[in-house]
């Protein structure tokens, strides 16, 4: 699990995905969404709209906390 300290930069969804060693296509397949959807999240065009089970799975896949995931996908975070 990635634990952020205050002096570290906020992770982006792309950085979390890359740290997990996954391509956009692989992440999309694991979450049963399209590559375009994952790309949209990473480029800040869309915020993820996932079920609770998909959200839990995403935190497990990316080895991050829910807080880190929220920060990585919020509109205010430059992706």
N, C-alpha and C. Protein backbone atom coordinates (compact mmCIF):
# COMPACT_ATOMS: atom_id res chain seq x y z
N UNK A 1 0.84 -1.18 0.00
CA UNK A 1 0.00 0.00 0.00
C UNK A 1 0.88 1.23 0.00
N UNK A 2 0.51 2.21 -0.80
CA UNK A 2 1.23 3.47 -0.86
C UNK A 2 0.71 4.36 0.25
N UNK A 3 1.59 4.82 1.12
CA UNK A 3 1.21 5.75 2.18
C UNK A 3 1.93 7.05 1.91
N UNK A 4 1.16 8.11 1.78
CA UNK A 4 1.72 9.42 1.44
C UNK A 4 2.01 10.22 2.70
N UNK A 5 3.12 10.92 2.69
CA UNK A 5 3.39 11.87 3.75
C UNK A 5 3.12 13.25 3.18
N UNK A 6 3.01 14.25 4.06
CA UNK A 6 2.63 15.58 3.62
C UNK A 6 3.60 16.20 2.62
N UNK A 7 4.88 15.84 2.69
CA UNK A 7 5.86 16.45 1.80
C UNK A 7 5.97 15.73 0.45
N UNK A 8 5.23 14.66 0.25
CA UNK A 8 5.25 13.95 -1.03
C UNK A 8 4.17 14.51 -1.94
N UNK A 9 4.41 14.43 -3.25
CA UNK A 9 3.41 14.90 -4.19
C UNK A 9 2.23 13.94 -4.20
N UNK A 10 1.08 14.47 -4.56
CA UNK A 10 -0.12 13.66 -4.65
C UNK A 10 0.00 12.75 -5.87
N UNK A 11 -0.25 11.46 -5.69
CA UNK A 11 -0.13 10.56 -6.84
C UNK A 11 -1.26 10.81 -7.84
N UNK A 12 -0.97 10.59 -9.09
CA UNK A 12 -2.02 10.63 -10.10
C UNK A 12 -2.45 9.20 -10.37
N UNK A 13 -3.59 9.04 -10.97
CA UNK A 13 -4.07 7.71 -11.30
C UNK A 13 -3.07 7.02 -12.23
N UNK A 14 -2.51 7.77 -13.16
CA UNK A 14 -1.53 7.19 -14.08
C UNK A 14 -0.31 6.67 -13.31
N UNK A 15 0.18 7.46 -12.36
CA UNK A 15 1.34 7.03 -11.59
C UNK A 15 1.02 5.79 -10.75
N UNK A 16 -0.17 5.75 -10.18
CA UNK A 16 -0.56 4.58 -9.40
C UNK A 16 -0.64 3.35 -10.29
N UNK A 17 -1.22 3.51 -11.48
CA UNK A 17 -1.34 2.39 -12.43
C UNK A 17 0.03 1.90 -12.87
N UNK A 18 0.90 2.86 -13.21
CA UNK A 18 2.25 2.48 -13.66
C UNK A 18 3.04 1.82 -12.53
N UNK A 19 2.87 2.30 -11.31
CA UNK A 19 3.55 1.68 -10.16
C UNK A 19 3.08 0.24 -9.95
N UNK A 20 1.85 -0.03 -10.34
CA UNK A 20 1.31 -1.39 -10.24
C UNK A 20 1.75 -2.26 -11.42
N UNK A 21 2.45 -1.64 -12.39
CA UNK A 21 2.96 -2.38 -13.54
C UNK A 21 1.89 -2.76 -14.55
N UNK A 22 0.87 -1.92 -14.66
CA UNK A 22 -0.24 -2.23 -15.56
C UNK A 22 -0.34 -1.22 -16.70
N UNK A 23 -0.80 -1.69 -17.83
CA UNK A 23 -1.14 -0.80 -18.93
C UNK A 23 -2.59 -0.34 -18.73
N UNK A 24 -2.99 0.66 -19.48
CA UNK A 24 -4.38 1.09 -19.43
C UNK A 24 -5.30 -0.06 -19.83
N UNK A 25 -4.91 -0.80 -20.83
CA UNK A 25 -5.72 -1.92 -21.30
C UNK A 25 -5.89 -2.98 -20.21
N UNK A 26 -4.81 -3.31 -19.51
CA UNK A 26 -4.89 -4.31 -18.45
C UNK A 26 -5.80 -3.85 -17.31
N UNK A 27 -5.66 -2.58 -16.93
CA UNK A 27 -6.51 -2.05 -15.86
C UNK A 27 -7.97 -2.06 -16.30
N UNK A 28 -8.22 -1.66 -17.52
CA UNK A 28 -9.58 -1.65 -18.04
C UNK A 28 -10.19 -3.05 -18.00
N UNK A 29 -9.43 -4.05 -18.40
CA UNK A 29 -9.92 -5.42 -18.40
C UNK A 29 -10.23 -5.89 -16.98
N UNK A 30 -9.36 -5.56 -16.04
CA UNK A 30 -9.57 -5.97 -14.65
C UNK A 30 -10.83 -5.34 -14.05
N UNK A 31 -11.14 -4.12 -14.47
CA UNK A 31 -12.30 -3.40 -13.92
C UNK A 31 -13.55 -3.55 -14.78
N UNK A 32 -13.42 -4.22 -15.94
CA UNK A 32 -14.52 -4.39 -16.88
C UNK A 32 -15.06 -3.05 -17.37
N UNK A 33 -14.10 -2.18 -17.75
CA UNK A 33 -14.44 -0.90 -18.39
C UNK A 33 -13.61 -0.82 -19.67
N UNK A 34 -13.83 0.23 -20.45
CA UNK A 34 -13.08 0.37 -21.70
C UNK A 34 -11.75 1.09 -21.46
N UNK A 35 -10.84 0.92 -22.40
CA UNK A 35 -9.56 1.63 -22.35
C UNK A 35 -9.82 3.14 -22.44
N UNK A 36 -10.81 3.52 -23.24
CA UNK A 36 -11.18 4.93 -23.37
C UNK A 36 -11.60 5.50 -22.02
N UNK A 37 -12.30 4.71 -21.24
CA UNK A 37 -12.73 5.14 -19.90
C UNK A 37 -11.52 5.39 -19.01
N UNK A 38 -10.58 4.45 -18.98
CA UNK A 38 -9.38 4.61 -18.16
C UNK A 38 -8.58 5.82 -18.64
N UNK A 39 -8.45 5.98 -19.93
CA UNK A 39 -7.75 7.13 -20.49
C UNK A 39 -8.42 8.43 -20.05
N UNK A 40 -9.73 8.46 -20.08
CA UNK A 40 -10.48 9.65 -19.66
C UNK A 40 -10.24 9.99 -18.20
N UNK A 41 -10.16 8.97 -17.36
CA UNK A 41 -9.85 9.21 -15.94
C UNK A 41 -8.46 9.81 -15.80
N UNK A 42 -7.51 9.22 -16.50
CA UNK A 42 -6.12 9.66 -16.36
C UNK A 42 -5.90 11.05 -16.93
N UNK A 43 -6.65 11.42 -17.94
CA UNK A 43 -6.49 12.74 -18.56
C UNK A 43 -7.38 13.80 -17.93
N UNK A 44 -8.14 13.40 -16.92
CA UNK A 44 -8.98 14.35 -16.20
C UNK A 44 -10.26 14.74 -16.92
N UNK A 45 -10.60 14.03 -17.98
CA UNK A 45 -11.85 14.32 -18.69
C UNK A 45 -13.07 13.82 -17.92
N UNK A 46 -12.86 12.75 -17.14
CA UNK A 46 -13.96 12.14 -16.39
C UNK A 46 -13.45 11.67 -15.04
N UNK A 47 -14.31 11.73 -14.04
CA UNK A 47 -14.01 11.12 -12.75
C UNK A 47 -14.59 9.71 -12.79
N UNK A 48 -13.90 8.76 -12.16
CA UNK A 48 -14.42 7.39 -12.16
C UNK A 48 -15.79 7.31 -11.50
N UNK A 49 -16.66 6.55 -12.12
CA UNK A 49 -17.98 6.24 -11.56
C UNK A 49 -18.04 4.72 -11.48
N UNK A 50 -17.60 4.23 -10.33
CA UNK A 50 -17.47 2.79 -10.15
C UNK A 50 -18.42 2.29 -9.07
N UNK A 51 -18.75 1.02 -9.15
CA UNK A 51 -19.52 0.40 -8.08
C UNK A 51 -18.59 0.25 -6.87
N UNK A 52 -19.17 -0.05 -5.73
CA UNK A 52 -18.36 -0.25 -4.53
C UNK A 52 -17.37 -1.39 -4.74
N UNK A 53 -17.83 -2.45 -5.38
CA UNK A 53 -16.92 -3.59 -5.58
C UNK A 53 -15.79 -3.23 -6.55
N UNK A 54 -16.09 -2.44 -7.59
CA UNK A 54 -15.04 -2.00 -8.51
C UNK A 54 -14.05 -1.07 -7.79
N UNK A 55 -14.56 -0.20 -6.95
CA UNK A 55 -13.69 0.72 -6.21
C UNK A 55 -12.76 -0.06 -5.28
N UNK A 56 -13.32 -1.04 -4.58
CA UNK A 56 -12.50 -1.88 -3.70
C UNK A 56 -11.44 -2.61 -4.52
N UNK A 57 -11.85 -3.18 -5.64
CA UNK A 57 -10.91 -3.87 -6.51
C UNK A 57 -9.82 -2.94 -7.00
N UNK A 58 -10.18 -1.71 -7.37
CA UNK A 58 -9.19 -0.75 -7.87
C UNK A 58 -8.17 -0.42 -6.79
N UNK A 59 -8.59 -0.23 -5.55
CA UNK A 59 -7.63 0.05 -4.48
C UNK A 59 -6.71 -1.15 -4.25
N UNK A 60 -7.25 -2.35 -4.40
CA UNK A 60 -6.43 -3.56 -4.24
C UNK A 60 -5.44 -3.69 -5.40
N UNK A 61 -5.89 -3.45 -6.61
CA UNK A 61 -5.04 -3.56 -7.80
C UNK A 61 -3.90 -2.55 -7.73
N UNK A 62 -4.24 -1.31 -7.36
CA UNK A 62 -3.25 -0.23 -7.34
C UNK A 62 -2.47 -0.17 -6.02
N UNK A 63 -2.88 -1.00 -5.07
CA UNK A 63 -2.21 -1.05 -3.76
C UNK A 63 -2.16 0.35 -3.14
N UNK A 64 -3.34 0.97 -3.09
CA UNK A 64 -3.43 2.31 -2.52
C UNK A 64 -4.65 2.39 -1.61
N UNK A 65 -4.69 3.42 -0.80
CA UNK A 65 -5.84 3.64 0.07
C UNK A 65 -6.96 4.32 -0.72
N UNK A 66 -8.14 4.29 -0.17
CA UNK A 66 -9.25 4.99 -0.78
C UNK A 66 -8.96 6.49 -0.83
N UNK A 67 -8.35 7.03 0.23
CA UNK A 67 -7.98 8.45 0.25
C UNK A 67 -7.03 8.79 -0.89
N UNK A 68 -6.02 7.95 -1.11
CA UNK A 68 -5.08 8.18 -2.21
C UNK A 68 -5.79 8.14 -3.56
N UNK A 69 -6.73 7.21 -3.69
CA UNK A 69 -7.48 7.09 -4.94
C UNK A 69 -8.33 8.33 -5.19
N UNK A 70 -8.97 8.82 -4.14
CA UNK A 70 -9.79 10.03 -4.27
C UNK A 70 -8.92 11.22 -4.69
N UNK A 71 -7.78 11.36 -4.04
CA UNK A 71 -6.87 12.46 -4.38
C UNK A 71 -6.37 12.33 -5.82
N UNK A 72 -6.07 11.11 -6.23
CA UNK A 72 -5.51 10.87 -7.57
C UNK A 72 -6.53 11.12 -8.67
N UNK A 73 -7.81 11.05 -8.34
CA UNK A 73 -8.84 11.17 -9.38
C UNK A 73 -9.69 12.41 -9.24
N UNK A 74 -9.39 13.27 -8.27
CA UNK A 74 -10.21 14.47 -8.10
C UNK A 74 -9.89 15.49 -9.18
N UNK A 75 -10.87 16.26 -9.57
CA UNK A 75 -10.72 17.24 -10.65
C UNK A 75 -9.64 18.28 -10.36
N UNK A 76 -9.41 18.58 -9.08
CA UNK A 76 -8.41 19.58 -8.72
C UNK A 76 -6.98 19.11 -8.87
N UNK A 77 -6.79 17.80 -9.04
CA UNK A 77 -5.46 17.22 -9.15
C UNK A 77 -5.03 17.25 -10.61
N UNK A 78 -3.91 17.94 -10.91
CA UNK A 78 -3.45 17.94 -12.30
C UNK A 78 -2.98 16.56 -12.70
N UNK A 79 -3.71 15.93 -13.58
CA UNK A 79 -3.38 14.57 -13.99
C UNK A 79 -2.42 14.63 -15.15
